[in-house]
């Protein structure tokens, strides 16, 4: 019985980490994308401040993104556009994890975790 409880707890932790991950994949064509993204020059112009993490387990809140190697691993497929007017979401890359998060909460719906 104790083994079953430990196994259940471990599965719960593993599934929770995948629910909260923001795994991103950059696609080559706009038609493949879930979201069109534009990188702005100034933090004040951004909808979302993004910090790229090194490990999938660190991508546990909005704005913490982890790049995956394969499209099938991604929660979201991104296409980076050339002009701000083409974008669904404007992002700014920050230097520290603690800076990541929403500046424009009205765009939150774009990155709602798919598994929730």
Protein backbone atom coordinates (compact mmCIF):
# COMPACT_ATOMS: atom_id res chain seq x y z
CA UNK A 1 0.00 0.00 0.00
CA UNK A 2 2.83 2.37 0.87
CA UNK A 3 4.45 1.69 -2.53
CA UNK A 4 1.19 2.60 -4.28
CA UNK A 5 0.99 5.92 -2.45
CA UNK A 6 4.60 6.77 -3.33
CA UNK A 7 4.02 5.78 -6.97
CA UNK A 8 0.84 7.88 -7.12
CA UNK A 9 2.64 10.88 -5.62
CA UNK A 10 5.49 10.55 -8.11
CA UNK A 11 3.06 10.37 -11.04
CA UNK A 12 1.19 13.38 -9.74
CA UNK A 13 4.40 15.42 -9.53
CA UNK A 14 5.48 14.37 -13.04
CA UNK A 15 2.11 15.20 -14.55
CA UNK A 16 1.98 18.55 -12.75
CA UNK A 17 5.34 19.56 -14.18
CA UNK A 18 4.16 18.84 -17.72
CA UNK A 19 0.94 20.78 -17.15
CA UNK A 20 2.85 23.93 -16.28
CA UNK A 21 5.64 23.69 -18.84
CA UNK A 22 5.81 26.26 -21.59
CA UNK A 23 7.70 24.34 -24.21
CA UNK A 24 8.21 26.34 -27.39
CA UNK A 25 9.21 25.42 -30.91
CA UNK A 26 10.09 27.92 -33.63
CA UNK A 27 8.45 26.99 -36.94
CA UNK A 28 9.57 28.06 -40.39
CA UNK A 29 6.19 28.99 -41.83
CA UNK A 30 3.42 31.19 -40.51
CA UNK A 31 0.78 28.58 -41.38
CA UNK A 32 2.40 26.11 -38.95
CA UNK A 33 2.25 28.45 -35.97
CA UNK A 34 -0.07 28.62 -33.00
CA UNK A 35 1.11 32.16 -32.27
CA UNK A 36 2.80 34.88 -34.31
CA UNK A 37 5.43 36.64 -32.20
CA UNK A 38 7.32 39.91 -32.58
CA UNK A 39 10.36 40.77 -30.48
CA UNK A 40 10.26 44.42 -29.40
CA UNK A 41 13.25 46.61 -28.60
CA UNK A 42 11.99 47.98 -25.30
CA UNK A 43 10.37 46.31 -22.32
CA UNK A 44 7.61 48.92 -22.23
CA UNK A 45 6.41 47.83 -25.69
CA UNK A 46 5.99 44.16 -24.75
CA UNK A 47 2.90 42.16 -23.89
CA UNK A 48 5.06 39.50 -22.24
CA UNK A 49 8.56 39.56 -20.79
CA UNK A 50 10.28 36.25 -21.59
CA UNK A 51 13.19 34.45 -20.00
CA UNK A 52 14.60 31.36 -21.70
CA UNK A 53 15.28 28.58 -19.21
CA UNK A 54 17.80 25.79 -19.59
CA UNK A 55 15.62 22.95 -18.34
CA UNK A 56 12.01 22.02 -19.04
CA UNK A 57 11.27 21.76 -15.32
CA UNK A 58 12.13 25.46 -14.89
CA UNK A 59 9.40 26.56 -17.32
CA UNK A 60 6.73 26.62 -14.65
CA UNK A 61 5.10 30.04 -15.03
CA UNK A 62 4.12 32.47 -17.75
CA UNK A 63 7.13 34.04 -19.41
CA UNK A 64 9.51 31.18 -18.65
CA UNK A 65 10.04 29.41 -21.96
CA UNK A 66 11.94 26.28 -22.82
CA UNK A 67 12.98 25.56 -26.43
CA UNK A 68 12.38 22.00 -27.57
CA UNK A 69 14.14 20.28 -30.43
CA UNK A 70 11.09 18.76 -32.07
CA UNK A 71 7.72 20.20 -33.00
CA UNK A 72 5.89 17.25 -31.44
CA UNK A 73 7.37 18.10 -28.02
CA UNK A 74 6.08 21.67 -28.02
CA UNK A 75 3.16 23.14 -26.15
CA UNK A 76 3.18 26.08 -28.56
CA UNK A 77 4.58 26.57 -32.05
CA UNK A 78 5.86 30.09 -32.65
CA UNK A 79 6.48 32.02 -35.82
CA UNK A 80 8.55 35.19 -35.49
CA UNK A 81 7.22 37.94 -37.75
CA UNK A 82 9.10 40.89 -39.20
CA UNK A 83 6.59 43.59 -38.33
CA UNK A 84 4.83 44.42 -35.08
CA UNK A 85 1.47 44.76 -36.84
CA UNK A 86 1.61 41.09 -37.91
CA UNK A 87 2.05 39.77 -34.37
CA UNK A 88 -0.43 38.16 -32.02
CA UNK A 89 2.02 38.66 -29.17
CA UNK A 90 4.86 41.13 -28.58
CA UNK A 91 7.67 39.84 -26.39
CA UNK A 92 10.80 41.24 -24.80
CA UNK A 93 13.65 38.97 -23.66
CA UNK A 94 14.77 39.75 -20.11
CA UNK A 95 18.07 38.92 -18.42
CA UNK A 96 16.69 37.43 -15.21
CA UNK A 97 14.06 34.80 -14.48
CA UNK A 98 12.42 37.01 -11.85
CA UNK A 99 11.65 39.66 -14.50
CA UNK A 100 9.54 37.31 -16.64
CA UNK A 101 5.78 37.74 -16.78
CA UNK A 102 2.87 39.58 -18.31
CA UNK A 103 2.78 43.30 -18.94
CA UNK A 104 -0.48 43.12 -20.91
CA UNK A 105 -2.81 40.67 -19.15
CA UNK A 106 -5.39 40.92 -21.94
CA UNK A 107 -3.12 38.67 -24.06
CA UNK A 108 -2.89 35.91 -21.44
CA UNK A 109 -5.38 33.77 -23.32
CA UNK A 110 -2.79 33.20 -26.07
CA UNK A 111 -0.54 31.14 -23.83
CA UNK A 112 -2.99 29.38 -21.58
CA UNK A 113 -1.55 26.01 -20.83
CA UNK A 114 -3.01 23.54 -23.30
CA UNK A 115 -3.13 20.73 -20.77
CA UNK A 116 -5.33 22.54 -18.27
